[in-house]
């Protein structure tokens, strides 16, 4: 039992010595963070659907039509309509 107590005391001392000084947030700060996270939670799917998603689609389309590997095939009608590379 004495050995177990020594181990527990040593571990707690190591924890207390190695911990840095920590500052707690105020209640006001917690409420502000909760409000921000609630807004992010509700609007992030809408942001992904209406802003980020179309941007990604536009970038992929522009790469497929104008940014391909073959310079002579850039801007062809088929590539503009289908948005795919010609094989």
Protein backbone atom coordinates (compact mmCIF):
# COMPACT_ATOMS: atom_id res chain seq x y z
CA UNK A 1 0.00 0.00 0.00
CA UNK A 2 2.91 2.36 0.77
CA UNK A 3 4.35 1.86 -2.71
CA UNK A 4 1.02 2.74 -4.32
CA UNK A 5 0.75 5.90 -2.22
CA UNK A 6 4.27 6.96 -3.23
CA UNK A 7 3.45 6.44 -6.90
CA UNK A 8 0.26 8.49 -6.61
CA UNK A 9 2.08 11.30 -4.80
CA UNK A 10 4.89 11.36 -7.38
CA UNK A 11 2.42 11.42 -10.28
CA UNK A 12 0.40 14.26 -8.75
CA UNK A 13 3.59 16.27 -8.08
CA UNK A 14 4.72 15.78 -11.67
CA UNK A 15 1.33 16.92 -12.92
CA UNK A 16 1.33 20.03 -10.72
CA UNK A 17 4.90 20.97 -11.61
CA UNK A 18 4.53 20.42 -15.35
CA UNK A 19 1.23 22.29 -15.73
CA UNK A 20 1.42 25.81 -17.08
CA UNK A 21 -0.52 28.65 -15.64
CA UNK A 22 -4.09 28.49 -16.89
CA UNK A 23 -6.62 31.32 -17.03
CA UNK A 24 -10.31 30.57 -16.95
CA UNK A 25 -12.77 32.34 -19.26
CA UNK A 26 -15.52 34.45 -17.82
CA UNK A 27 -19.19 33.54 -18.13
CA UNK A 28 -19.60 36.33 -20.68
CA UNK A 29 -16.83 34.86 -22.81
CA UNK A 30 -18.42 31.41 -22.68
CA UNK A 31 -21.78 32.85 -23.75
CA UNK A 32 -20.16 34.68 -26.66
CA UNK A 33 -18.39 31.50 -27.78
CA UNK A 34 -21.64 29.52 -27.51
CA UNK A 35 -23.41 32.10 -29.67
CA UNK A 36 -20.66 32.03 -32.31
CA UNK A 37 -20.66 28.24 -32.41
CA UNK A 38 -24.46 28.16 -32.68
CA UNK A 39 -24.34 30.52 -35.67
CA UNK A 40 -21.60 28.41 -37.29
CA UNK A 41 -23.62 25.26 -36.67
CA UNK A 42 -26.73 26.63 -38.37
CA UNK A 43 -25.12 28.45 -41.31
CA UNK A 44 -22.21 26.18 -42.26
CA UNK A 45 -24.38 23.76 -44.31
CA UNK A 46 -25.89 26.74 -46.15
CA UNK A 47 -22.42 28.18 -46.75
CA UNK A 48 -21.28 24.85 -48.15
CA UNK A 49 -24.30 24.49 -50.44
CA UNK A 50 -24.62 28.02 -51.78
CA UNK A 51 -21.12 29.53 -51.64
CA UNK A 52 -18.34 26.95 -51.34
CA UNK A 53 -19.97 24.26 -53.49
CA UNK A 54 -20.56 26.41 -56.58
CA UNK A 55 -17.02 27.83 -56.25
CA UNK A 56 -15.59 24.32 -56.31
CA UNK A 57 -17.74 23.40 -59.30
CA UNK A 58 -16.68 26.54 -61.17
CA UNK A 59 -12.99 25.88 -60.47
CA UNK A 60 -13.31 22.27 -61.64
CA UNK A 61 -15.16 23.35 -64.81
CA UNK A 62 -12.59 26.02 -65.63
CA UNK A 63 -9.77 23.55 -65.16
CA UNK A 64 -11.44 20.96 -67.36
CA UNK A 65 -12.24 23.45 -70.16
CA UNK A 66 -9.32 25.89 -70.12
CA UNK A 67 -6.61 24.33 -67.98
CA UNK A 68 -6.07 20.92 -69.54
CA UNK A 69 -2.78 19.39 -70.51
CA UNK A 70 -3.17 19.77 -74.30
CA UNK A 71 -3.04 23.43 -75.39
CA UNK A 72 -4.66 22.74 -78.78
CA UNK A 73 -7.77 21.22 -77.13
CA UNK A 74 -8.44 24.16 -74.78
CA UNK A 75 -11.77 25.90 -75.26
CA UNK A 76 -13.32 23.38 -77.67
CA UNK A 77 -17.12 23.33 -77.88
CA UNK A 78 -17.35 19.76 -76.61
CA UNK A 79 -15.23 20.60 -73.59
CA UNK A 80 -17.34 23.69 -72.89
CA UNK A 81 -20.58 21.73 -73.08
CA UNK A 82 -19.51 18.63 -71.22
CA UNK A 83 -16.75 20.00 -69.04
CA UNK A 84 -14.63 16.94 -69.61
CA UNK A 85 -11.30 16.16 -71.18
CA UNK A 86 -11.05 14.58 -74.60
CA UNK A 87 -9.30 11.25 -74.74
